[in-house]
Amino acid sequence: MFTMYAIPNCDTVKKARTFLDKKKIAYEFVDFKKTPPTKEQIKRWADFMGELPANKKGTTYKKLKDEFEALTPAKKIDFMIENSSMIKRPVLEKNGKTLAIGFDEETYGGL
């Protein structure tokens, strides 16, 4: 079973959900606003991306960039948990393994 971590009103998330729904791929949706990610999840996602999974194109990141960038790496993770809208999304996992961060039709097509 796939798990998607995201926020429901994000346009990129809507595209990813529509893609999965059309392909009839079952997934569990975890809303960051109702269930914030854990430190372990953010670290796993950072390992997958090669950097913290900050959505640098998003308005939340742009608004909080200076404050975020001034923090230590450990504090940045806590900050991302508190401000989950700044996490790049959606995060798609299967059995605790990260498969994709963000939405790319080619990547999702290989599921």
C-alpha atoms as a PDB file:
ATOM      1  CA  MET A   1       0.000   0.000   0.000  1.00  0.00           C
ATOM      2  CA  PHE A   2       1.232   3.450  -0.910  1.00  0.00           C
ATOM      3  CA  THR A   3       1.151   6.350   1.527  1.00  0.00           C
ATOM      4  CA  MET A   4       1.013   9.964   0.403  1.00  0.00           C
ATOM      5  CA  TYR A   5       2.068  12.675   2.843  1.00  0.00           C
ATOM      6  CA  ALA A   6       0.883  16.142   1.869  1.00  0.00           C
ATOM      7  CA  ILE A   7      -1.681  18.867   2.353  1.00  0.00           C
ATOM      8  CA  PRO A   8      -4.957  18.498   0.438  1.00  0.00           C
ATOM      9  CA  ASN A   9      -5.288  22.009  -1.014  1.00  0.00           C
ATOM     10  CA  CYS A  10      -1.904  22.039  -2.820  1.00  0.00           C
ATOM     11  CA  ASP A  11      -2.204  22.057  -6.640  1.00  0.00           C
ATOM     12  CA  THR A  12       0.718  19.649  -7.074  1.00  0.00           C
ATOM     13  CA  VAL A  13      -0.861  17.256  -4.585  1.00  0.00           C
ATOM     14  CA  LYS A  14      -4.172  17.465  -6.441  1.00  0.00           C
ATOM     15  CA  LYS A  15      -2.399  16.484  -9.676  1.00  0.00           C
ATOM     16  CA  ALA A  16      -0.705  13.529  -7.970  1.00  0.00           C
ATOM     17  CA  ARG A  17      -3.945  12.331  -6.376  1.00  0.00           C
ATOM     18  CA  THR A  18      -5.817  12.623  -9.672  1.00  0.00           C
ATOM     19  CA  PHE A  19      -3.077  10.617 -11.405  1.00  0.00           C
ATOM     20  CA  LEU A  20      -3.220   7.832  -8.811  1.00  0.00           C
ATOM     21  CA  ASP A  21      -7.024   7.803  -8.816  1.00  0.00           C
ATOM     22  CA  LYS A  22      -7.185   7.533 -12.622  1.00  0.00           C
ATOM     23  CA  LYS A  23      -4.704   4.630 -12.531  1.00  0.00           C
ATOM     24  CA  LYS A  24      -6.779   3.041  -9.730  1.00  0.00           C
ATOM     25  CA  ILE A  25      -3.720   2.916  -7.467  1.00  0.00           C
ATOM     26  CA  ALA A  26      -4.806   2.672  -3.828  1.00  0.00           C
ATOM     27  CA  TYR A  27      -3.056   4.890  -1.299  1.00  0.00           C
ATOM     28  CA  GLU A  28      -3.499   6.248   2.187  1.00  0.00           C
ATOM     29  CA  PHE A  29      -3.511  10.047   2.411  1.00  0.00           C
ATOM     30  CA  VAL A  30      -1.814  11.592   5.458  1.00  0.00           C
ATOM     31  CA  ASP A  31      -2.540  15.302   5.913  1.00  0.00           C
ATOM     32  CA  PHE A  32       0.486  17.167   7.336  1.00  0.00           C
ATOM     33  CA  LYS A  33      -1.896  19.587   9.056  1.00  0.00           C
ATOM     34  CA  LYS A  34      -3.636  16.823  11.014  1.00  0.00           C
ATOM     35  CA  THR A  35      -0.668  14.483  11.439  1.00  0.00           C
ATOM     36  CA  PRO A  36       2.649  16.369  11.390  1.00  0.00           C
ATOM     37  CA  PRO A  37       5.630  14.409  10.086  1.00  0.00           C
ATOM     38  CA  THR A  38       8.145  12.987  12.537  1.00  0.00           C
ATOM     39  CA  LYS A  39      11.834  13.823  12.710  1.00  0.00           C
ATOM     40  CA  GLU A  40      12.571  10.337  11.368  1.00  0.00           C
ATOM     41  CA  GLN A  41      10.346  10.892   8.343  1.00  0.00           C
ATOM     42  CA  ILE A  42      11.943  14.233   7.512  1.00  0.00           C
ATOM     43  CA  LYS A  43      15.406  12.697   7.859  1.00  0.00           C
ATOM     44  CA  ARG A  44      14.370   9.824   5.552  1.00  0.00           C
ATOM     45  CA  TRP A  45      13.016  12.295   3.015  1.00  0.00           C
ATOM     46  CA  ALA A  46      16.208  14.367   3.282  1.00  0.00           C
ATOM     47  CA  ASP A  47      18.280  11.242   2.613  1.00  0.00           C
ATOM     48  CA  PHE A  48      16.138  10.563  -0.468  1.00  0.00           C
ATOM     49  CA  MET A  49      16.499  14.142  -1.789  1.00  0.00           C
ATOM     50  CA  GLY A  50      20.075  14.744  -0.704  1.00  0.00           C
ATOM     51  CA  GLU A  51      18.920  17.792   1.282  1.00  0.00           C
ATOM     52  CA  LEU A  52      16.091  18.779   3.590  1.00  0.00           C
ATOM     53  CA  PRO A  53      12.790  18.510   1.711  1.00  0.00           C
ATOM     54  CA  ALA A  54      11.990  22.222   1.736  1.00  0.00           C
ATOM     55  CA  ASN A  55       9.616  23.483  -0.954  1.00  0.00           C
ATOM     56  CA  LYS A  56      11.789  26.423  -1.983  1.00  0.00           C
ATOM     57  CA  LYS A  57       9.263  27.564  -4.592  1.00  0.00           C
ATOM     58  CA  GLY A  58       6.399  27.746  -2.087  1.00  0.00           C
ATOM     59  CA  THR A  59       5.050  30.848  -0.401  1.00  0.00           C
ATOM     60  CA  THR A  60       5.583  29.466   3.117  1.00  0.00           C
ATOM     61  CA  TYR A  61       9.289  28.876   2.469  1.00  0.00           C
ATOM     62  CA  LYS A  62       9.709  32.290   0.865  1.00  0.00           C
ATOM     63  CA  LYS A  63       7.987  33.953   3.810  1.00  0.00           C
ATOM     64  CA  LEU A  64      10.079  32.090   6.428  1.00  0.00           C
ATOM     65  CA  LYS A  65      13.309  31.629   4.462  1.00  0.00           C
ATOM     66  CA  ASP A  66      15.563  33.934   6.489  1.00  0.00           C
ATOM     67  CA  GLU A  67      14.404  32.494   9.800  1.00  0.00           C
ATOM     68  CA  PHE A  68      14.707  28.914   8.490  1.00  0.00           C
ATOM     69  CA  GLU A  69      18.150  29.336   6.917  1.00  0.00           C
ATOM     70  CA  ALA A  70      19.580  30.810  10.148  1.00  0.00           C
ATOM     71  CA  LEU A  71      18.804  27.604  12.097  1.00  0.00           C
ATOM     72  CA  THR A  72      21.061  24.637  12.801  1.00  0.00           C
ATOM     73  CA  PRO A  73      20.256  21.461  10.819  1.00  0.00           C
ATOM     74  CA  ALA A  74      18.526  19.883  13.848  1.00  0.00           C
ATOM     75  CA  LYS A  75      16.441  23.014  14.466  1.00  0.00           C
ATOM     76  CA  LYS A  76      15.502  23.153  10.771  1.00  0.00           C
ATOM     77  CA  ILE A  77      13.831  19.750  11.122  1.00  0.00           C
ATOM     78  CA  ASP A  78      11.824  20.941  14.140  1.00  0.00           C
ATOM     79  CA  PHE A  79      10.912  24.096  12.210  1.00  0.00           C
ATOM     80  CA  MET A  80       9.666  22.022   9.266  1.00  0.00           C
ATOM     81  CA  ILE A  81       7.492  19.940  11.589  1.00  0.00           C
ATOM     82  CA  GLU A  82       5.959  23.126  13.006  1.00  0.00           C
ATOM     83  CA  ASN A  83       5.581  24.689   9.538  1.00  0.00           C
ATOM     84  CA  SER A  84       4.653  21.639   7.477  1.00  0.00           C
ATOM     85  CA  SER A  85       3.492  23.741   4.517  1.00  0.00           C
ATOM     86  CA  MET A  86       7.139  24.369   3.715  1.00  0.00           C
ATOM     87  CA  ILE A  87       7.786  20.661   3.053  1.00  0.00           C
ATOM     88  CA  LYS A  88       8.042  19.699  -0.609  1.00  0.00           C
ATOM     89  CA  ARG A  89       5.029  17.621  -1.491  1.00  0.00           C
ATOM     90  CA  PRO A  90       3.575  15.206  -2.042  1.00  0.00           C
ATOM     91  CA  VAL A  91       5.829  12.590  -0.488  1.00  0.00           C
ATOM     92  CA  LEU A  92       4.968   9.127  -1.767  1.00  0.00           C
ATOM     93  CA  GLU A  93       6.134   6.056   0.121  1.00  0.00           C
ATOM     94  CA  LYS A  94       5.536   2.343   0.079  1.00  0.00           C
ATOM     95  CA  ASN A  95       6.258   0.273   3.188  1.00  0.00           C
ATOM     96  CA  GLY A  96       8.297   3.120   4.706  1.00  0.00           C
ATOM     97  CA  LYS A  97      10.475   3.538   1.602  1.00  0.00           C
ATOM     98  CA  THR A  98      10.398   6.919  -0.127  1.00  0.00           C
ATOM     99  CA  LEU A  99       9.547   6.619  -3.823  1.00  0.00           C
ATOM    100  CA  ALA A 100       8.971  10.234  -4.861  1.00  0.00           C
ATOM    101  CA  ILE A 101       8.925  13.767  -3.498  1.00  0.00           C
ATOM    102  CA  GLY A 102       6.953  16.209  -5.589  1.00  0.00           C
ATOM    103  CA  PHE A 103       4.885  15.054  -8.538  1.00  0.00           C
ATOM    104  CA  ASP A 104       6.380  13.877 -11.796  1.00  0.00           C
ATOM    105  CA  GLU A 105       4.114  11.927 -14.140  1.00  0.00           C
ATOM    106  CA  GLU A 106       7.022   9.841 -15.442  1.00  0.00           C
ATOM    107  CA  THR A 107       8.065   8.774 -11.933  1.00  0.00           C
ATOM    108  CA  TYR A 108       4.493   8.005 -10.895  1.00  0.00           C
ATOM    109  CA  GLY A 109       3.928   6.159 -14.159  1.00  0.00           C
ATOM    110  CA  GLY A 110       6.514   3.595 -13.128  1.00  0.00           C
ATOM    111  CA  LEU A 111       4.635   2.590  -9.984  1.00  0.00           C
END
